[in-house]
Amino acid sequence: MKENIPVKFFQFNELTLEIHPEVYDPAEDSFLLINAISIKKSDAVLEIGAGCGLIALECARIGSNVVCTDINPYSVELTKRNYMRNKNLIKGNFEVRKGDLFKPIRKNEVFDVIIFNPPYLPTNKNEMVGGLGWFDIATNGGVNGIKITSRFIKQLSKHLNKNGRAYFIFSSQSNHKTLETIIKNNNFNYKVIMKSRFEEETIFVYCLTKK
């Protein structure tokens, strides 16, 4: 993907990360999620929807063994570049795979921690940005805001260790009761472990564990 786009960077802790206009930039939700998650060295970590690789690389910098995925080919290539740029800081294993949700994950592959910052905003056709469409994929949560989150929860159990933890972002603009019904119907316990208000919206970090 050779492009004549000015290269832009930002710093997070010790990491230097390139960003790209076709990839969701780290924002308040990203930083809230990264502050909420609890990981240990040698944890097997999966991040779905890696974006520029911020959270996945920070986990690997701490020492976790990380697999990260994204459906966006620009994201996959960007995360690979950011890994190479920060390779000297990375203490754990690190792998990037392309695909939708859990499709790139092998049948018997399980993780101690699974992380997802899903498209969580209720979105109709008039709110689409357009262009190549990758930004819309990163932000479009469907009419009710939980279209992608629901798919994530329904596929989560077979890839989460018995004592594992799954973290994801949810918005006050979407329906909590519907979300929590989906969580219970898929046999998970849940806690809201962190939240923050941004303008007209409150962002929540949910943590799921198996019953």
N, C-alpha and C. Protein backbone atom coordinates (compact mmCIF):
# COMPACT_ATOMS: atom_id res chain seq x y z
N MET A 1 0.84 -1.20 0.00
CA MET A 1 0.00 0.00 0.00
C MET A 1 0.88 1.25 0.00
N LYS A 2 1.38 1.61 -1.14
CA LYS A 2 2.21 2.79 -1.23
C LYS A 2 1.32 4.02 -1.43
N GLU A 3 1.45 4.99 -0.56
CA GLU A 3 0.58 6.15 -0.58
C GLU A 3 1.40 7.40 -0.32
N ASN A 4 0.93 8.51 -0.89
CA ASN A 4 1.59 9.80 -0.65
C ASN A 4 0.84 10.55 0.45
N ILE A 5 0.85 9.96 1.63
CA ILE A 5 0.17 10.56 2.79
C ILE A 5 1.24 10.96 3.80
N PRO A 6 1.21 12.20 4.28
CA PRO A 6 2.20 12.60 5.30
C PRO A 6 2.14 11.68 6.52
N VAL A 7 3.27 11.23 6.97
CA VAL A 7 3.31 10.31 8.12
C VAL A 7 3.21 11.11 9.41
N LYS A 8 2.26 10.71 10.29
CA LYS A 8 2.07 11.38 11.57
C LYS A 8 2.27 10.37 12.70
N PHE A 9 2.77 10.86 13.83
CA PHE A 9 3.07 9.99 14.97
C PHE A 9 2.51 10.58 16.25
N PHE A 10 2.35 9.72 17.26
CA PHE A 10 2.10 10.21 18.61
C PHE A 10 2.82 9.30 19.59
N GLN A 11 3.02 9.79 20.79
CA GLN A 11 3.74 9.06 21.84
C GLN A 11 2.76 8.58 22.90
N PHE A 12 2.98 7.36 23.38
CA PHE A 12 2.24 6.85 24.54
C PHE A 12 3.22 6.07 25.39
N ASN A 13 3.41 6.51 26.63
CA ASN A 13 4.47 5.94 27.47
C ASN A 13 5.77 5.92 26.66
N GLU A 14 6.37 4.78 26.48
CA GLU A 14 7.62 4.70 25.72
C GLU A 14 7.40 4.44 24.23
N LEU A 15 6.17 4.17 23.85
CA LEU A 15 5.88 3.79 22.47
C LEU A 15 5.79 5.01 21.55
N THR A 16 6.31 4.85 20.34
CA THR A 16 6.13 5.83 19.27
C THR A 16 5.27 5.18 18.20
N LEU A 17 4.10 5.75 17.95
CA LEU A 17 3.10 5.10 17.10
C LEU A 17 2.73 5.97 15.92
N GLU A 18 2.79 5.37 14.74
CA GLU A 18 2.32 6.01 13.52
C GLU A 18 0.81 5.88 13.45
N ILE A 19 0.13 6.91 12.92
CA ILE A 19 -1.32 6.84 12.71
C ILE A 19 -1.60 7.02 11.22
N HIS A 20 -2.82 6.72 10.81
CA HIS A 20 -3.17 6.71 9.39
C HIS A 20 -4.63 7.14 9.24
N PRO A 21 -4.97 7.92 8.20
CA PRO A 21 -6.34 8.42 8.06
C PRO A 21 -7.40 7.35 7.84
N GLU A 22 -7.01 6.14 7.39
CA GLU A 22 -7.99 5.07 7.20
C GLU A 22 -8.09 4.15 8.42
N VAL A 23 -7.42 4.53 9.51
CA VAL A 23 -7.42 3.73 10.74
C VAL A 23 -7.88 4.61 11.89
N TYR A 24 -8.73 4.06 12.74
CA TYR A 24 -9.26 4.80 13.89
C TYR A 24 -8.12 5.27 14.79
N ASP A 25 -8.05 6.57 15.02
CA ASP A 25 -7.01 7.12 15.90
C ASP A 25 -7.31 6.78 17.36
N PRO A 26 -6.28 6.52 18.16
CA PRO A 26 -6.51 6.40 19.61
C PRO A 26 -7.18 7.67 20.14
N ALA A 27 -8.22 7.47 20.96
CA ALA A 27 -8.98 8.60 21.49
C ALA A 27 -9.33 8.30 22.95
N GLU A 28 -10.28 9.08 23.50
CA GLU A 28 -10.61 8.94 24.91
C GLU A 28 -11.01 7.52 25.28
N ASP A 29 -11.76 6.85 24.38
CA ASP A 29 -12.19 5.48 24.68
C ASP A 29 -10.99 4.54 24.73
N SER A 30 -10.03 4.74 23.84
CA SER A 30 -8.82 3.89 23.83
C SER A 30 -8.06 4.03 25.13
N PHE A 31 -7.88 5.26 25.59
CA PHE A 31 -7.10 5.50 26.80
C PHE A 31 -7.84 5.04 28.05
N LEU A 32 -9.16 5.17 28.05
CA LEU A 32 -9.96 4.65 29.17
C LEU A 32 -9.80 3.13 29.25
N LEU A 33 -9.87 2.46 28.11
CA LEU A 33 -9.76 1.01 28.08
C LEU A 33 -8.37 0.54 28.53
N ILE A 34 -7.35 1.20 28.06
CA ILE A 34 -5.99 0.79 28.41
C ILE A 34 -5.71 1.00 29.90
N ASN A 35 -6.36 1.98 30.50
CA ASN A 35 -6.20 2.21 31.94
C ASN A 35 -7.02 1.23 32.78
N ALA A 36 -8.05 0.65 32.18
CA ALA A 36 -8.96 -0.22 32.93
C ALA A 36 -8.50 -1.68 32.95
N ILE A 37 -7.83 -2.11 31.90
CA ILE A 37 -7.50 -3.53 31.80
C ILE A 37 -6.44 -3.93 32.82
N SER A 38 -6.53 -5.16 33.27
CA SER A 38 -5.55 -5.72 34.21
C SER A 38 -4.88 -6.91 33.54
N ILE A 39 -3.57 -6.77 33.30
CA ILE A 39 -2.82 -7.87 32.69
C ILE A 39 -1.54 -8.12 33.46
N LYS A 40 -1.02 -9.34 33.27
CA LYS A 40 0.23 -9.72 33.92
C LYS A 40 1.23 -10.18 32.86
N LYS A 41 2.50 -10.17 33.24
CA LYS A 41 3.50 -10.74 32.36
C LYS A 41 3.15 -12.19 32.07
N SER A 42 3.36 -12.59 30.86
CA SER A 42 3.11 -13.95 30.35
C SER A 42 1.63 -14.27 30.13
N ASP A 43 0.71 -13.34 30.43
CA ASP A 43 -0.68 -13.55 30.04
C ASP A 43 -0.78 -13.73 28.53
N ALA A 44 -1.66 -14.62 28.09
CA ALA A 44 -2.00 -14.73 26.68
C ALA A 44 -3.12 -13.73 26.40
N VAL A 45 -2.84 -12.74 25.57
CA VAL A 45 -3.75 -11.63 25.34
C VAL A 45 -4.18 -11.59 23.88
N LEU A 46 -5.48 -11.40 23.65
CA LEU A 46 -6.01 -11.17 22.31
C LEU A 46 -6.66 -9.79 22.29
N GLU A 47 -6.24 -8.96 21.33
CA GLU A 47 -6.99 -7.73 21.08
C GLU A 47 -7.65 -7.82 19.72
N ILE A 48 -8.95 -7.62 19.71
CA ILE A 48 -9.72 -7.56 18.46
C ILE A 48 -9.91 -6.09 18.09
N GLY A 49 -9.68 -5.78 16.82
CA GLY A 49 -9.79 -4.39 16.38
C GLY A 49 -8.61 -3.58 16.86
N ALA A 50 -7.41 -3.94 16.42
CA ALA A 50 -6.18 -3.36 16.97
C ALA A 50 -5.96 -1.91 16.58
N GLY A 51 -6.57 -1.43 15.50
CA GLY A 51 -6.32 -0.06 15.07
C GLY A 51 -4.87 0.15 14.71
N CYS A 52 -4.24 1.10 15.37
CA CYS A 52 -2.81 1.34 15.12
C CYS A 52 -1.91 0.43 15.96
N GLY A 53 -2.51 -0.36 16.86
CA GLY A 53 -1.75 -1.30 17.67
C GLY A 53 -1.43 -0.81 19.07
N LEU A 54 -1.98 0.33 19.46
CA LEU A 54 -1.64 0.93 20.75
C LEU A 54 -1.79 -0.04 21.92
N ILE A 55 -2.98 -0.59 22.12
CA ILE A 55 -3.24 -1.42 23.30
C ILE A 55 -2.46 -2.73 23.21
N ALA A 56 -2.46 -3.35 22.04
CA ALA A 56 -1.73 -4.61 21.86
C ALA A 56 -0.25 -4.43 22.14
N LEU A 57 0.34 -3.37 21.63
CA LEU A 57 1.76 -3.12 21.84
C LEU A 57 2.07 -2.78 23.29
N GLU A 58 1.18 -2.06 23.95
CA GLU A 58 1.40 -1.74 25.36
C GLU A 58 1.36 -3.01 26.20
N CYS A 59 0.44 -3.93 25.88
CA CYS A 59 0.39 -5.22 26.59
C CYS A 59 1.68 -6.00 26.37
N ALA A 60 2.18 -6.02 25.13
CA ALA A 60 3.41 -6.76 24.82
C ALA A 60 4.63 -6.07 25.44
N ARG A 61 4.57 -4.76 25.56
CA ARG A 61 5.67 -4.03 26.20
C ARG A 61 5.79 -4.43 27.67
N ILE A 62 4.66 -4.67 28.30
CA ILE A 62 4.65 -5.09 29.70
C ILE A 62 5.16 -6.52 29.85
N GLY A 63 4.98 -7.32 28.80
CA GLY A 63 5.47 -8.70 28.84
C GLY A 63 4.45 -9.76 28.50
N SER A 64 3.22 -9.36 28.16
CA SER A 64 2.21 -10.33 27.75
C SER A 64 2.51 -10.87 26.35
N ASN A 65 1.99 -12.06 26.08
CA ASN A 65 2.11 -12.66 24.74
C ASN A 65 0.83 -12.34 23.97
N VAL A 66 0.96 -11.57 22.91
CA VAL A 66 -0.19 -10.90 22.30
C VAL A 66 -0.44 -11.39 20.88
N VAL A 67 -1.72 -11.66 20.60
CA VAL A 67 -2.23 -11.78 19.23
C VAL A 67 -3.21 -10.64 19.04
N CYS A 68 -3.11 -9.92 17.94
CA CYS A 68 -4.10 -8.88 17.67
C CYS A 68 -4.62 -9.02 16.24
N THR A 69 -5.87 -8.62 16.05
CA THR A 69 -6.52 -8.78 14.75
C THR A 69 -7.21 -7.48 14.36
N ASP A 70 -7.44 -7.34 13.06
CA ASP A 70 -8.28 -6.25 12.56
C ASP A 70 -8.76 -6.63 11.17
N ILE A 71 -9.99 -6.25 10.86
CA ILE A 71 -10.54 -6.51 9.53
C ILE A 71 -9.99 -5.54 8.49
N ASN A 72 -9.47 -4.41 8.96
CA ASN A 72 -8.99 -3.33 8.09
C ASN A 72 -7.55 -3.61 7.64
N PRO A 73 -7.30 -3.77 6.34
CA PRO A 73 -5.93 -4.06 5.89
C PRO A 73 -4.96 -2.93 6.20
N TYR A 74 -5.45 -1.69 6.22
CA TYR A 74 -4.58 -0.57 6.59
C TYR A 74 -4.14 -0.69 8.04
N SER A 75 -5.05 -1.14 8.90
CA SER A 75 -4.72 -1.33 10.31
C SER A 75 -3.68 -2.42 10.49
N VAL A 76 -3.84 -3.53 9.78
CA VAL A 76 -2.91 -4.65 9.90
C VAL A 76 -1.50 -4.22 9.52
N GLU A 77 -1.37 -3.52 8.40
CA GLU A 77 -0.05 -3.07 7.96
C GLU A 77 0.51 -2.01 8.90
N LEU A 78 -0.35 -1.13 9.39
CA LEU A 78 0.09 -0.07 10.31
C LEU A 78 0.59 -0.68 11.63
N THR A 79 -0.14 -1.65 12.16
CA THR A 79 0.26 -2.29 13.41
C THR A 79 1.59 -3.02 13.24
N LYS A 80 1.79 -3.65 12.09
CA LYS A 80 3.07 -4.32 11.83
C LYS A 80 4.21 -3.29 11.81
N ARG A 81 3.98 -2.15 11.17
CA ARG A 81 5.02 -1.11 11.15
C ARG A 81 5.30 -0.58 12.56
N ASN A 82 4.23 -0.40 13.33
CA ASN A 82 4.41 0.10 14.70
C ASN A 82 5.12 -0.92 15.59
N TYR A 83 4.88 -2.19 15.33
CA TYR A 83 5.63 -3.22 16.06
C TYR A 83 7.12 -3.14 15.74
N MET A 84 7.45 -3.04 14.46
CA MET A 84 8.86 -2.98 14.07
C MET A 84 9.51 -1.71 14.63
N ARG A 85 8.76 -0.62 14.66
CA ARG A 85 9.30 0.65 15.17
C ARG A 85 9.61 0.57 16.66
N ASN A 86 8.87 -0.25 17.39
CA ASN A 86 9.01 -0.34 18.85
C ASN A 86 9.53 -1.69 19.32
N LYS A 87 10.06 -2.47 18.40
CA LYS A 87 10.44 -3.86 18.70
C LYS A 87 11.40 -3.96 19.87
N ASN A 88 12.28 -3.00 20.02
CA ASN A 88 13.26 -3.06 21.11
C ASN A 88 12.62 -2.93 22.49
N LEU A 89 11.37 -2.44 22.55
CA LEU A 89 10.66 -2.26 23.82
C LEU A 89 9.79 -3.47 24.19
N ILE A 90 9.55 -4.34 23.21
CA ILE A 90 8.57 -5.41 23.37
C ILE A 90 9.20 -6.61 24.11
N LYS A 91 8.56 -7.01 25.22
CA LYS A 91 9.08 -8.11 26.04
C LYS A 91 8.35 -9.43 25.78
N GLY A 92 7.10 -9.36 25.29
CA GLY A 92 6.34 -10.58 25.01
C GLY A 92 6.29 -10.88 23.53
N ASN A 93 5.69 -12.02 23.19
CA ASN A 93 5.47 -12.36 21.79
C ASN A 93 4.40 -11.45 21.20
N PHE A 94 4.47 -11.25 19.87
CA PHE A 94 3.53 -10.33 19.23
C PHE A 94 3.22 -10.83 17.83
N GLU A 95 1.91 -10.95 17.55
CA GLU A 95 1.48 -11.42 16.23
C GLU A 95 0.27 -10.62 15.77
N VAL A 96 0.24 -10.27 14.49
CA VAL A 96 -0.88 -9.52 13.90
C VAL A 96 -1.54 -10.39 12.84
N ARG A 97 -2.88 -10.48 12.89
CA ARG A 97 -3.62 -11.26 11.90
C ARG A 97 -4.77 -10.43 11.33
N LYS A 98 -5.10 -10.65 10.08
CA LYS A 98 -6.19 -9.93 9.43
C LYS A 98 -7.46 -10.78 9.43
N GLY A 99 -8.58 -10.16 9.81
CA GLY A 99 -9.86 -10.86 9.75
C GLY A 99 -10.90 -10.25 10.66
N ASP A 100 -12.12 -10.71 10.53
CA ASP A 100 -13.28 -10.19 11.25
C ASP A 100 -13.45 -10.91 12.58
N LEU A 101 -13.46 -10.14 13.66
CA LEU A 101 -13.66 -10.67 15.01
C LEU A 101 -12.77 -11.90 15.26
N PHE A 102 -13.36 -13.06 15.58
CA PHE A 102 -12.57 -14.23 15.96
C PHE A 102 -12.19 -15.12 14.77
N LYS A 103 -12.52 -14.72 13.55
CA LYS A 103 -12.23 -15.58 12.39
C LYS A 103 -10.74 -15.91 12.24
N PRO A 104 -9.82 -14.99 12.56
CA PRO A 104 -8.40 -15.35 12.42
C PRO A 104 -7.86 -16.22 13.56
N ILE A 105 -8.69 -16.52 14.55
CA ILE A 105 -8.24 -17.28 15.72
C ILE A 105 -8.50 -18.76 15.48
N ARG A 106 -7.50 -19.57 15.78
CA ARG A 106 -7.63 -21.01 15.56
C ARG A 106 -8.66 -21.63 16.51
N LYS A 107 -9.20 -22.76 16.11
CA LYS A 107 -10.34 -23.38 16.80
C LYS A 107 -10.09 -23.59 18.28
N ASN A 108 -8.92 -24.07 18.66
CA ASN A 108 -8.64 -24.40 20.06
C ASN A 108 -7.77 -23.34 20.76
N GLU A 109 -7.65 -22.18 20.16
CA GLU A 109 -6.81 -21.12 20.72
C GLU A 109 -7.58 -20.34 21.78
N VAL A 110 -7.03 -20.27 23.01
CA VAL A 110 -7.71 -19.58 24.10
C VAL A 110 -6.76 -18.56 24.74
N PHE A 111 -7.36 -17.58 25.43
CA PHE A 111 -6.59 -16.45 25.96
C PHE A 111 -7.01 -16.15 27.40
N ASP A 112 -6.06 -15.60 28.14
CA ASP A 112 -6.34 -15.16 29.51
C ASP A 112 -7.09 -13.83 29.52
N VAL A 113 -6.78 -12.99 28.55
CA VAL A 113 -7.39 -11.66 28.45
C VAL A 113 -7.77 -11.40 27.00
N ILE A 114 -9.02 -10.95 26.79
CA ILE A 114 -9.48 -10.55 25.46
C ILE A 114 -9.99 -9.11 25.55
N ILE A 115 -9.55 -8.28 24.62
CA ILE A 115 -9.82 -6.84 24.66
C ILE A 115 -10.46 -6.41 23.35
N PHE A 116 -11.48 -5.57 23.44
CA PHE A 116 -12.16 -5.10 22.22
C PHE A 116 -12.72 -3.70 22.46
N ASN A 117 -12.35 -2.78 21.58
CA ASN A 117 -13.00 -1.47 21.54
C ASN A 117 -13.86 -1.47 20.28
N PRO A 118 -15.12 -1.93 20.42
CA PRO A 118 -15.95 -2.18 19.24
C PRO A 118 -16.54 -0.90 18.67
N PRO A 119 -17.09 -0.97 17.46
CA PRO A 119 -17.95 0.12 17.00
C PRO A 119 -19.18 0.15 17.90
N TYR A 120 -19.36 1.21 18.68
CA TYR A 120 -20.41 1.19 19.70
C TYR A 120 -21.44 2.30 19.55
N LEU A 121 -21.32 3.13 18.52
CA LEU A 121 -22.27 4.24 18.37
C LEU A 121 -23.45 3.83 17.51
N PRO A 122 -24.69 4.11 17.96
CA PRO A 122 -25.85 3.91 17.07
C PRO A 122 -25.67 4.77 15.82
N THR A 123 -25.82 4.15 14.66
CA THR A 123 -25.49 4.83 13.41
C THR A 123 -26.52 4.51 12.35
N ASN A 124 -26.98 5.54 11.63
CA ASN A 124 -27.83 5.30 10.47
C ASN A 124 -27.09 5.69 9.19
N LYS A 125 -27.69 5.41 8.05
CA LYS A 125 -27.01 5.60 6.77
C LYS A 125 -26.59 7.05 6.56
N ASN A 126 -27.36 7.99 7.05
CA ASN A 126 -27.04 9.41 6.85
C ASN A 126 -25.80 9.85 7.61
N GLU A 127 -25.36 9.04 8.59
CA GLU A 127 -24.20 9.39 9.41
C GLU A 127 -22.91 8.75 8.93
N MET A 128 -22.98 8.01 7.83
CA MET A 128 -21.78 7.37 7.29
C MET A 128 -20.82 8.40 6.72
N VAL A 129 -19.53 8.21 6.96
CA VAL A 129 -18.51 9.12 6.46
C VAL A 129 -18.24 8.86 4.98
N GLY A 130 -18.26 7.59 4.58
CA GLY A 130 -18.01 7.24 3.18
C GLY A 130 -16.54 7.02 2.91
N GLY A 131 -16.06 7.54 1.78
CA GLY A 131 -14.67 7.32 1.39
C GLY A 131 -14.43 5.84 1.13
N LEU A 132 -13.31 5.31 1.61
CA LEU A 132 -13.02 3.89 1.44
C LEU A 132 -13.85 3.02 2.38
N GLY A 133 -14.46 3.64 3.37
CA GLY A 133 -15.38 2.91 4.24
C GLY A 133 -14.79 2.34 5.51
N TRP A 134 -13.47 2.39 5.67
CA TRP A 134 -12.85 1.76 6.83
C TRP A 134 -13.17 2.51 8.12
N PHE A 135 -13.29 3.84 8.05
CA PHE A 135 -13.65 4.58 9.27
C PHE A 135 -15.06 4.21 9.72
N ASP A 136 -15.99 4.06 8.77
CA ASP A 136 -17.35 3.65 9.12
C ASP A 136 -17.37 2.28 9.77
N ILE A 137 -16.57 1.36 9.27
CA ILE A 137 -16.50 0.02 9.87
C ILE A 137 -16.02 0.11 11.32
N ALA A 138 -15.11 1.04 11.60
CA ALA A 138 -14.55 1.19 12.94
C ALA A 138 -15.52 1.84 13.92
N THR A 139 -16.53 2.56 13.42
CA THR A 139 -17.39 3.34 14.32
C THR A 139 -18.87 2.95 14.26
N ASN A 140 -19.30 2.25 13.24
CA ASN A 140 -20.72 1.97 13.02
C ASN A 140 -21.17 0.77 13.85
N GLY A 141 -21.93 1.06 14.90
CA GLY A 141 -22.45 0.00 15.77
C GLY A 141 -23.83 -0.49 15.38
N GLY A 142 -24.28 -0.08 14.19
CA GLY A 142 -25.63 -0.46 13.76
C GLY A 142 -26.66 0.47 14.37
N VAL A 143 -27.91 0.26 14.04
CA VAL A 143 -28.99 1.15 14.48
C VAL A 143 -29.06 1.24 16.00
N ASN A 144 -28.82 0.13 16.71
CA ASN A 144 -28.93 0.12 18.18
C ASN A 144 -27.59 0.26 18.90
N GLY A 145 -26.49 0.32 18.14
CA GLY A 145 -25.17 0.51 18.76
C GLY A 145 -24.51 -0.76 19.27
N ILE A 146 -25.20 -1.89 19.22
CA ILE A 146 -24.63 -3.12 19.80
C ILE A 146 -24.53 -4.26 18.78
N LYS A 147 -24.64 -3.95 17.52
CA LYS A 147 -24.60 -4.98 16.48
C LYS A 147 -23.31 -5.80 16.54
N ILE A 148 -22.16 -5.12 16.59
CA ILE A 148 -20.88 -5.82 16.60
C ILE A 148 -20.57 -6.38 17.99
N THR A 149 -20.91 -5.62 19.03
CA THR A 149 -20.68 -6.08 20.40
C THR A 149 -21.43 -7.38 20.68
N SER A 150 -22.65 -7.48 20.17
CA SER A 150 -23.45 -8.69 20.35
C SER A 150 -22.76 -9.89 19.69
N ARG A 151 -22.25 -9.72 18.49
CA ARG A 151 -21.53 -10.80 17.81
C ARG A 151 -20.29 -11.21 18.61
N PHE A 152 -19.59 -10.23 19.14
CA PHE A 152 -18.40 -10.49 19.94
C PHE A 152 -18.73 -11.35 21.16
N ILE A 153 -19.76 -10.97 21.89
CA ILE A 153 -20.13 -11.70 23.12
C ILE A 153 -20.56 -13.13 22.80
N LYS A 154 -21.29 -13.32 21.72
CA LYS A 154 -21.78 -14.65 21.35
C LYS A 154 -20.65 -15.59 20.94
N GLN A 155 -19.53 -15.05 20.47
CA GLN A 155 -18.40 -15.87 20.02
C GLN A 155 -17.28 -15.96 21.05
N LEU A 156 -17.42 -15.25 22.15
CA LEU A 156 -16.33 -15.06 23.11
C LEU A 156 -15.97 -16.32 23.89
N SER A 157 -16.95 -17.07 24.33
CA SER A 157 -16.73 -18.12 25.33
C SER A 157 -15.69 -19.15 24.90
N LYS A 158 -15.71 -19.57 23.64
CA LYS A 158 -14.82 -20.66 23.22
C LYS A 158 -13.35 -20.23 23.11
N HIS A 159 -13.08 -18.92 23.21
CA HIS A 159 -11.70 -18.45 23.12
C HIS A 159 -11.19 -17.81 24.41
N LEU A 160 -12.03 -17.82 25.47
CA LEU A 160 -11.64 -17.24 26.75
C LEU A 160 -11.37 -18.34 27.76
N ASN A 161 -10.21 -18.31 28.39
CA ASN A 161 -9.87 -19.30 29.42
C ASN A 161 -10.90 -19.29 30.54
N LYS A 162 -10.97 -20.39 31.26
CA LYS A 162 -11.95 -20.55 32.33
C LYS A 162 -11.90 -19.39 33.33
N ASN A 163 -10.71 -18.97 33.72
CA ASN A 163 -10.56 -17.87 34.67
C ASN A 163 -10.14 -16.57 33.98
N GLY A 164 -10.41 -16.48 32.67
CA GLY A 164 -10.00 -15.32 31.90
C GLY A 164 -10.94 -14.13 32.06
N ARG A 165 -10.53 -13.02 31.45
CA ARG A 165 -11.29 -11.77 31.53
C ARG A 165 -11.38 -11.16 30.15
N ALA A 166 -12.56 -10.64 29.83
CA ALA A 166 -12.76 -9.93 28.57
C ALA A 166 -13.19 -8.50 28.87
N TYR A 167 -12.57 -7.55 28.20
CA TYR A 167 -12.86 -6.13 28.41
C TYR A 167 -13.37 -5.51 27.11
N PHE A 168 -14.41 -4.68 27.23
CA PHE A 168 -14.85 -3.94 26.05
C PHE A 168 -15.50 -2.62 26.45
N ILE A 169 -15.59 -1.73 25.47
CA ILE A 169 -16.17 -0.40 25.66
C ILE A 169 -17.65 -0.42 25.29
N PHE A 170 -18.44 0.36 26.05
CA PHE A 170 -19.86 0.54 25.73
C PHE A 170 -20.23 1.99 25.99
N SER A 171 -21.25 2.47 25.29
CA SER A 171 -21.64 3.89 25.35
C SER A 171 -23.02 4.06 25.97
N SER A 172 -23.20 5.19 26.65
CA SER A 172 -24.50 5.53 27.22
C SER A 172 -25.53 5.82 26.13
N GLN A 173 -25.08 6.00 24.88
CA GLN A 173 -26.02 6.24 23.78
C GLN A 173 -26.68 4.95 23.30
N SER A 174 -26.18 3.81 23.77
CA SER A 174 -26.77 2.52 23.42
C SER A 174 -27.52 1.95 24.62
N ASN A 175 -28.24 0.85 24.40
CA ASN A 175 -29.16 0.32 25.41
C ASN A 175 -28.47 -0.69 26.33
N HIS A 176 -28.26 -0.28 27.59
CA HIS A 176 -27.58 -1.15 28.56
C HIS A 176 -28.38 -2.40 28.87
N LYS A 177 -29.70 -2.27 28.96
CA LYS A 177 -30.52 -3.44 29.32
C LYS A 177 -30.42 -4.53 28.25
N THR A 178 -30.45 -4.12 26.99
CA THR A 178 -30.29 -5.08 25.90
C THR A 178 -28.93 -5.74 25.97
N LEU A 179 -27.89 -4.94 26.17
CA LEU A 179 -26.53 -5.48 26.28
C LEU A 179 -26.45 -6.50 27.41
N GLU A 180 -26.95 -6.14 28.58
CA GLU A 180 -26.79 -7.00 29.75
C GLU A 180 -27.63 -8.27 29.64
N THR A 181 -28.72 -8.22 28.90
CA THR A 181 -29.49 -9.43 28.60
C THR A 181 -28.66 -10.37 27.73
N ILE A 182 -27.99 -9.83 26.72
CA ILE A 182 -27.12 -10.64 25.84
C ILE A 182 -25.99 -11.26 26.66
N ILE A 183 -25.40 -10.49 27.56
CA ILE A 183 -24.32 -11.00 28.42
C ILE A 183 -24.82 -12.19 29.25
N LYS A 184 -25.95 -12.02 29.92
CA LYS A 184 -26.49 -13.08 30.78
C LYS A 184 -26.88 -14.31 29.97
N ASN A 185 -27.46 -14.10 28.78
CA ASN A 185 -27.88 -15.23 27.94
C ASN A 185 -26.70 -16.04 27.43
N ASN A 186 -25.50 -15.45 27.47
CA ASN A 186 -24.30 -16.16 27.02
C ASN A 186 -23.43 -16.61 28.19
N ASN A 187 -24.04 -16.62 29.39
CA ASN A 187 -23.43 -17.21 30.59
C ASN A 187 -22.15 -16.51 31.05
N PHE A 188 -22.19 -15.18 31.07
CA PHE A 188 -21.08 -14.41 31.61
C PHE A 188 -21.54 -13.60 32.82
N ASN A 189 -20.63 -13.43 33.77
CA ASN A 189 -20.78 -12.40 34.79
C ASN A 189 -20.20 -11.11 34.23
N TYR A 190 -20.68 -9.97 34.74
CA TYR A 190 -20.13 -8.70 34.24
C TYR A 190 -20.01 -7.67 35.35
N LYS A 191 -19.06 -6.77 35.16
CA LYS A 191 -18.91 -5.60 36.02
C LYS A 191 -18.55 -4.41 35.13
N VAL A 192 -19.06 -3.25 35.50
CA VAL A 192 -18.57 -2.01 34.90
C VAL A 192 -17.42 -1.55 35.79
N ILE A 193 -16.21 -1.58 35.27
CA ILE A 193 -15.04 -1.34 36.11
C ILE A 193 -14.48 0.08 35.98
N MET A 194 -14.92 0.81 34.96
CA MET A 194 -14.45 2.18 34.81
C MET A 194 -15.41 2.92 33.88
N LYS A 195 -15.57 4.21 34.09
CA LYS A 195 -16.38 5.01 33.19
C LYS A 195 -15.88 6.44 33.17
N SER A 196 -16.22 7.16 32.12
CA SER A 196 -15.82 8.55 32.01
C SER A 196 -16.79 9.27 31.08
N ARG A 197 -17.08 10.51 31.41
CA ARG A 197 -18.02 11.29 30.59
C ARG A 197 -17.26 12.17 29.63
N PHE A 198 -17.68 12.15 28.35
CA PHE A 198 -17.11 12.98 27.31
C PHE A 198 -18.25 13.69 26.59
N GLU A 199 -18.33 15.00 26.79
CA GLU A 199 -19.38 15.82 26.18
C GLU A 199 -20.76 15.25 26.52
N GLU A 200 -21.52 14.75 25.52
CA GLU A 200 -22.89 14.29 25.76
C GLU A 200 -22.97 12.79 26.01
N GLU A 201 -21.85 12.16 26.24
CA GLU A 201 -21.82 10.70 26.29
C GLU A 201 -20.97 10.21 27.46
N THR A 202 -21.39 9.11 28.07
CA THR A 202 -20.56 8.43 29.06
C THR A 202 -20.08 7.12 28.46
N ILE A 203 -18.77 6.88 28.59
CA ILE A 203 -18.15 5.66 28.08
C ILE A 203 -17.87 4.73 29.25
N PHE A 204 -18.24 3.46 29.11
CA PHE A 204 -18.08 2.46 30.16
C PHE A 204 -17.11 1.37 29.70
N VAL A 205 -16.35 0.83 30.64
CA VAL A 205 -15.56 -0.37 30.38
C VAL A 205 -16.21 -1.54 31.12
N TYR A 206 -16.67 -2.52 30.37
CA TYR A 206 -17.24 -3.74 30.93
C TYR A 206 -16.15 -4.80 31.02
N CYS A 207 -16.19 -5.59 32.09
CA CYS A 207 -15.33 -6.75 32.25
C CYS A 207 -16.22 -7.99 32.39
N LEU A 208 -16.03 -8.97 31.52
CA LEU A 208 -16.80 -10.20 31.55
C LEU A 208 -15.94 -11.36 32.04
N THR A 209 -16.53 -12.23 32.84
CA THR A 209 -15.89 -13.48 33.26
C THR A 209 -16.91 -14.60 33.11
N LYS A 210 -16.40 -15.82 32.96
CA LYS A 210 -17.31 -16.97 32.78
C LYS A 210 -17.97 -17.32 34.12
N LYS A 211 -19.23 -17.76 34.04
CA LYS A 211 -19.95 -18.21 35.24
C LYS A 211 -19.43 -19.58 35.66
